C-alpha atoms as a PDB file:
ATOM      1  CA  MET A   1       0.003   0.020   0.006  1.00  0.00           C
ATOM      2  CA  THR A   2       1.338   3.416  -0.987  1.00  0.00           C
ATOM      3  CA  ALA A   3       1.687   5.854   1.881  1.00  0.00           C
ATOM      4  CA  PRO A   4      -0.698   8.800   1.666  1.00  0.00           C
ATOM      5  CA  ARG A   5       0.434  12.357   0.983  1.00  0.00           C
ATOM      6  CA  MET A   6      -0.781  15.465   2.791  1.00  0.00           C
ATOM      7  CA  SER A   7      -2.312  16.718  -0.482  1.00  0.00           C
ATOM      8  CA  GLN A   8      -4.370  13.487  -0.656  1.00  0.00           C
ATOM      9  CA  VAL A   9      -5.704  13.574   2.921  1.00  0.00           C
ATOM     10  CA  MET A  10      -6.389  17.311   2.971  1.00  0.00           C
ATOM     11  CA  VAL A  11     -10.149  17.918   3.091  1.00  0.00           C
ATOM     12  CA  ALA A  12     -10.426  20.980   0.865  1.00  0.00           C
ATOM     13  CA  LYS A  13     -13.845  21.876   2.292  1.00  0.00           C
ATOM     14  CA  ALA A  14     -12.286  21.941   5.790  1.00  0.00           C
ATOM     15  CA  PHE A  15     -10.439  25.234   5.154  1.00  0.00           C
ATOM     16  CA  THR A  16     -11.239  27.916   7.697  1.00  0.00           C
ATOM     17  CA  ARG A  17     -10.135  31.343   8.915  1.00  0.00           C
ATOM     18  CA  LEU A  18      -9.078  31.372  12.543  1.00  0.00           C
ATOM     19  CA  PRO A  19      -9.918  34.290  14.875  1.00  0.00           C
ATOM     20  CA  PRO A  20      -6.825  35.915  16.435  1.00  0.00           C
ATOM     21  CA  GLU A  21      -8.230  35.634  19.960  1.00  0.00           C
ATOM     22  CA  ALA A  22      -8.578  31.859  19.726  1.00  0.00           C
ATOM     23  CA  ASP A  23      -6.538  29.680  22.035  1.00  0.00           C
ATOM     24  CA  LYS A  24      -5.142  26.276  21.069  1.00  0.00           C
ATOM     25  CA  ARG A  25      -8.212  24.321  22.229  1.00  0.00           C
ATOM     26  CA  ALA A  26     -10.546  26.681  20.343  1.00  0.00           C
ATOM     27  CA  VAL A  27      -8.426  26.345  17.186  1.00  0.00           C
ATOM     28  CA  VAL A  28      -8.558  22.548  17.352  1.00  0.00           C
ATOM     29  CA  GLY A  29     -12.333  22.730  17.968  1.00  0.00           C
ATOM     30  CA  ARG A  30     -12.843  25.042  15.040  1.00  0.00           C
ATOM     31  CA  LEU A  31     -10.847  22.784  12.719  1.00  0.00           C
ATOM     32  CA  ALA A  32     -12.794  19.707  13.899  1.00  0.00           C
ATOM     33  CA  GLU A  33     -16.039  21.595  13.273  1.00  0.00           C
ATOM     34  CA  SER A  34     -14.829  22.363   9.735  1.00  0.00           C
ATOM     35  CA  LEU A  35     -14.564  18.598   9.193  1.00  0.00           C
ATOM     36  CA  VAL A  36     -18.184  18.270  10.415  1.00  0.00           C
ATOM     37  CA  ALA A  37     -19.259  21.007   7.951  1.00  0.00           C
ATOM     38  CA  ALA A  38     -17.387  19.113   5.192  1.00  0.00           C
ATOM     39  CA  GLY A  39     -19.343  15.949   6.037  1.00  0.00           C
ATOM     40  CA  ARG A  40     -16.239  14.000   7.062  1.00  0.00           C
ATOM     41  CA  ILE A  41     -16.882  13.501  10.818  1.00  0.00           C
ATOM     42  CA  ASP A  42     -19.958  13.483  13.043  1.00  0.00           C
ATOM     43  CA  ALA A  43     -20.677  16.458  15.263  1.00  0.00           C
ATOM     44  CA  LYS A  44     -20.973  14.108  18.233  1.00  0.00           C
ATOM     45  CA  ASP A  45     -17.271  13.265  17.857  1.00  0.00           C
ATOM     46  CA  VAL A  46     -15.915  16.838  18.041  1.00  0.00           C
ATOM     47  CA  THR A  47     -15.457  16.864  21.836  1.00  0.00           C
ATOM     48  CA  ALA A  48     -13.650  13.486  21.826  1.00  0.00           C
ATOM     49  CA  ILE A  49     -11.379  14.647  18.981  1.00  0.00           C
ATOM     50  CA  VAL A  50     -10.512  17.877  20.767  1.00  0.00           C
ATOM     51  CA  ASP A  51      -9.799  15.969  23.968  1.00  0.00           C
ATOM     52  CA  ASP A  52      -7.605  13.452  22.096  1.00  0.00           C
ATOM     53  CA  VAL A  53      -5.621  16.236  20.419  1.00  0.00           C
ATOM     54  CA  MET A  54      -5.201  18.140  23.668  1.00  0.00           C
ATOM     55  CA  LYS A  55      -3.878  15.000  25.377  1.00  0.00           C
ATOM     56  CA  ARG A  56      -1.276  14.837  22.619  1.00  0.00           C
ATOM     57  CA  GLU A  57      -0.514  18.542  23.089  1.00  0.00           C
ATOM     58  CA  ALA A  58       0.169  17.903  26.794  1.00  0.00           C
ATOM     59  CA  VAL A  59       3.091  15.708  25.738  1.00  0.00           C
ATOM     60  CA  GLY A  60       4.641  18.566  23.732  1.00  0.00           C
ATOM     61  CA  SER A  61       3.528  21.496  21.615  1.00  0.00           C
ATOM     62  CA  THR A  62       2.815  20.845  17.978  1.00  0.00           C
ATOM     63  CA  GLY A  63       3.549  24.493  17.209  1.00  0.00           C
ATOM     64  CA  ILE A  64       6.592  23.408  15.253  1.00  0.00           C
ATOM     65  CA  GLY A  65       7.956  26.846  14.328  1.00  0.00           C
ATOM     66  CA  HIS A  66       8.026  28.870  11.141  1.00  0.00           C
ATOM     67  CA  GLY A  67       4.423  30.025  11.907  1.00  0.00           C
ATOM     68  CA  ILE A  68       3.043  26.479  11.603  1.00  0.00           C
ATOM     69  CA  GLY A  69       1.061  24.308  13.983  1.00  0.00           C
ATOM     70  CA  ILE A  70       0.200  20.724  13.277  1.00  0.00           C
ATOM     71  CA  PRO A  71      -1.942  19.392  16.119  1.00  0.00           C
ATOM     72  CA  HIS A  72      -2.488  15.695  15.509  1.00  0.00           C
ATOM     73  CA  CYS A  73      -3.536  12.469  17.108  1.00  0.00           C
ATOM     74  CA  ARG A  74      -4.628   8.935  16.436  1.00  0.00           C
ATOM     75  CA  THR A  75      -8.307   8.708  17.362  1.00  0.00           C
ATOM     76  CA  GLY A  76     -11.109   6.223  17.179  1.00  0.00           C
ATOM     77  CA  SER A  77     -13.363   9.074  16.062  1.00  0.00           C
ATOM     78  CA  VAL A  78     -12.248   8.778  12.423  1.00  0.00           C
ATOM     79  CA  SER A  79     -12.242   5.843  10.023  1.00  0.00           C
ATOM     80  CA  GLY A  80      -9.635   7.240   7.650  1.00  0.00           C
ATOM     81  CA  VAL A  81      -6.830   9.825   7.653  1.00  0.00           C
ATOM     82  CA  LEU A  82      -8.192  13.393   7.553  1.00  0.00           C
ATOM     83  CA  CYS A  83      -6.550  16.798   7.561  1.00  0.00           C
ATOM     84  CA  ALA A  84      -8.152  20.221   8.039  1.00  0.00           C
ATOM     85  CA  PHE A  85      -6.482  23.592   7.604  1.00  0.00           C
ATOM     86  CA  GLY A  86      -6.907  26.907   9.361  1.00  0.00           C
ATOM     87  CA  HIS A  87      -5.283  30.265   8.636  1.00  0.00           C
ATOM     88  CA  SER A  88      -4.858  33.389  10.765  1.00  0.00           C
ATOM     89  CA  SER A  89      -3.636  36.633   9.237  1.00  0.00           C
ATOM     90  CA  GLU A  90      -2.865  38.052  12.683  1.00  0.00           C
ATOM     91  CA  GLY A  91      -1.204  34.989  14.169  1.00  0.00           C
ATOM     92  CA  ILE A  92      -2.207  32.878  17.177  1.00  0.00           C
ATOM     93  CA  ASP A  93      -0.362  32.009  20.365  1.00  0.00           C
ATOM     94  CA  PHE A  94       0.142  28.288  19.953  1.00  0.00           C
ATOM     95  CA  ASP A  95       2.984  27.724  22.432  1.00  0.00           C
ATOM     96  CA  SER A  96       5.310  27.251  19.472  1.00  0.00           C
ATOM     97  CA  LEU A  97       8.792  25.810  19.837  1.00  0.00           C
ATOM     98  CA  ASP A  98      10.250  29.053  18.456  1.00  0.00           C
ATOM     99  CA  GLY A  99       7.967  31.287  20.586  1.00  0.00           C
ATOM    100  CA  GLU A 100       6.492  32.918  17.491  1.00  0.00           C
ATOM    101  CA  PRO A 101       2.803  33.139  16.554  1.00  0.00           C
ATOM    102  CA  VAL A 102       1.222  30.510  14.319  1.00  0.00           C
ATOM    103  CA  TYR A 103      -0.459  31.578  11.049  1.00  0.00           C
ATOM    104  CA  SER A 104      -1.137  28.176   9.464  1.00  0.00           C
ATOM    105  CA  VAL A 105      -2.581  25.216  11.352  1.00  0.00           C
ATOM    106  CA  PHE A 106      -3.095  21.687  10.078  1.00  0.00           C
ATOM    107  CA  LEU A 107      -5.284  19.281  12.109  1.00  0.00           C
ATOM    108  CA  LEU A 108      -4.217  15.715  11.270  1.00  0.00           C
ATOM    109  CA  LEU A 109      -6.464  12.901  12.484  1.00  0.00           C
ATOM    110  CA  THR A 110      -5.624   9.240  11.939  1.00  0.00           C
ATOM    111  CA  PRO A 111      -7.390   6.022  13.042  1.00  0.00           C
ATOM    112  CA  PRO A 112      -5.508   4.154  15.796  1.00  0.00           C
ATOM    113  CA  ASP A 113      -4.689   1.225  13.494  1.00  0.00           C
ATOM    114  CA  GLN A 114      -2.884   3.469  10.956  1.00  0.00           C
ATOM    115  CA  LYS A 115       0.208   4.340  13.008  1.00  0.00           C
ATOM    116  CA  GLU A 116       2.609   3.977  10.042  1.00  0.00           C
ATOM    117  CA  GLN A 117       0.539   6.286   7.829  1.00  0.00           C
ATOM    118  CA  HIS A 118       0.399   8.820  10.676  1.00  0.00           C
ATOM    119  CA  LEU A 119       4.164   8.749  11.177  1.00  0.00           C
ATOM    120  CA  HIS A 120       4.802   8.901   7.434  1.00  0.00           C
ATOM    121  CA  LEU A 121       2.603  11.996   7.075  1.00  0.00           C
ATOM    122  CA  MET A 122       4.319  13.709  10.011  1.00  0.00           C
ATOM    123  CA  ARG A 123       7.757  13.009   8.597  1.00  0.00           C
ATOM    124  CA  SER A 124       6.702  14.076   5.123  1.00  0.00           C
ATOM    125  CA  PHE A 125       5.283  17.349   6.401  1.00  0.00           C
ATOM    126  CA  ALA A 126       8.365  18.004   8.449  1.00  0.00           C
ATOM    127  CA  SER A 127      10.428  17.705   5.280  1.00  0.00           C
ATOM    128  CA  GLN A 128       8.115  20.088   3.423  1.00  0.00           C
ATOM    129  CA  ILE A 129       8.620  22.951   5.855  1.00  0.00           C
ATOM    130  CA  ARG A 130      12.371  22.780   5.361  1.00  0.00           C
ATOM    131  CA  LYS A 131      12.031  23.345   1.619  1.00  0.00           C
ATOM    132  CA  GLU A 132      12.829  26.819   0.370  1.00  0.00           C
ATOM    133  CA  ASN A 133       9.782  29.130   0.125  1.00  0.00           C
ATOM    134  CA  PHE A 134       7.256  26.547   1.384  1.00  0.00           C
ATOM    135  CA  CYS A 135       6.347  28.407   4.597  1.00  0.00           C
ATOM    136  CA  GLU A 136       6.224  31.766   2.789  1.00  0.00           C
ATOM    137  CA  PHE A 137       3.834  30.380   0.174  1.00  0.00           C
ATOM    138  CA  LEU A 138       1.798  28.497   2.776  1.00  0.00           C
ATOM    139  CA  HIS A 139       1.077  31.616   4.842  1.00  0.00           C
ATOM    140  CA  GLN A 140      -0.247  33.350   1.710  1.00  0.00           C
ATOM    141  CA  VAL A 141      -2.706  30.619   0.733  1.00  0.00           C
ATOM    142  CA  ALA A 142      -6.173  32.125   0.411  1.00  0.00           C
ATOM    143  CA  ALA A 143      -8.240  29.258  -1.020  1.00  0.00           C
ATOM    144  CA  PRO A 144      -8.485  25.501  -0.404  1.00  0.00           C
ATOM    145  CA  GLU A 145      -7.616  24.605  -3.989  1.00  0.00           C
ATOM    146  CA  ALA A 146      -4.432  26.674  -3.763  1.00  0.00           C
ATOM    147  CA  LEU A 147      -3.472  24.840  -0.569  1.00  0.00           C
ATOM    148  CA  VAL A 148      -3.881  21.390  -2.128  1.00  0.00           C
ATOM    149  CA  GLU A 149      -1.934  22.546  -5.214  1.00  0.00           C
ATOM    150  CA  LEU A 150       0.886  23.943  -3.016  1.00  0.00           C
ATOM    151  CA  LEU A 151       1.130  20.703  -1.019  1.00  0.00           C
ATOM    152  CA  ALA A 152       1.153  18.578  -4.191  1.00  0.00           C
ATOM    153  CA  GLU A 153       3.800  20.802  -5.817  1.00  0.00           C
ATOM    154  CA  PHE A 154       6.173  20.630  -2.868  1.00  0.00           C
ATOM    155  CA  GLU A 155       5.565  16.898  -2.402  1.00  0.00           C
ATOM    156  CA  GLY A 156       6.839  16.457  -5.928  1.00  0.00           C
ATOM    157  CA  ARG A 157      10.093  18.285  -5.284  1.00  0.00           C
END
């Protein structure tokens, strides 16, 4: 089985603007709700997903630097790998490793039995942010289609 790519698991309809006053829990909740609006998860699962992600956040911040946050977890609330995206023009305090605000947030949810896919996606994304211009282009993305195209382009490099 071929490992999935971020561009393939990104739910284009789960693209949302994040309010600057939002805290980490509110951001995760908003991204989970965008997956509900996209028809990819049930509304009844939002609280469990937020709790699962926040348990993972307690281990260490997923504000990885360069203005990017990638809260993630393996959760029984999803049946397949899903990714939602949120953007903040003003930046959000996400307890980032570099102490800087976060402008782009990816919520990555993976079923518990897909550990290898989860790890592959995290490694793949980590390699993307090291590529020249990726973060700059990412923070300028204004539409879901542009985000998927950007991810696909950099995955091909």
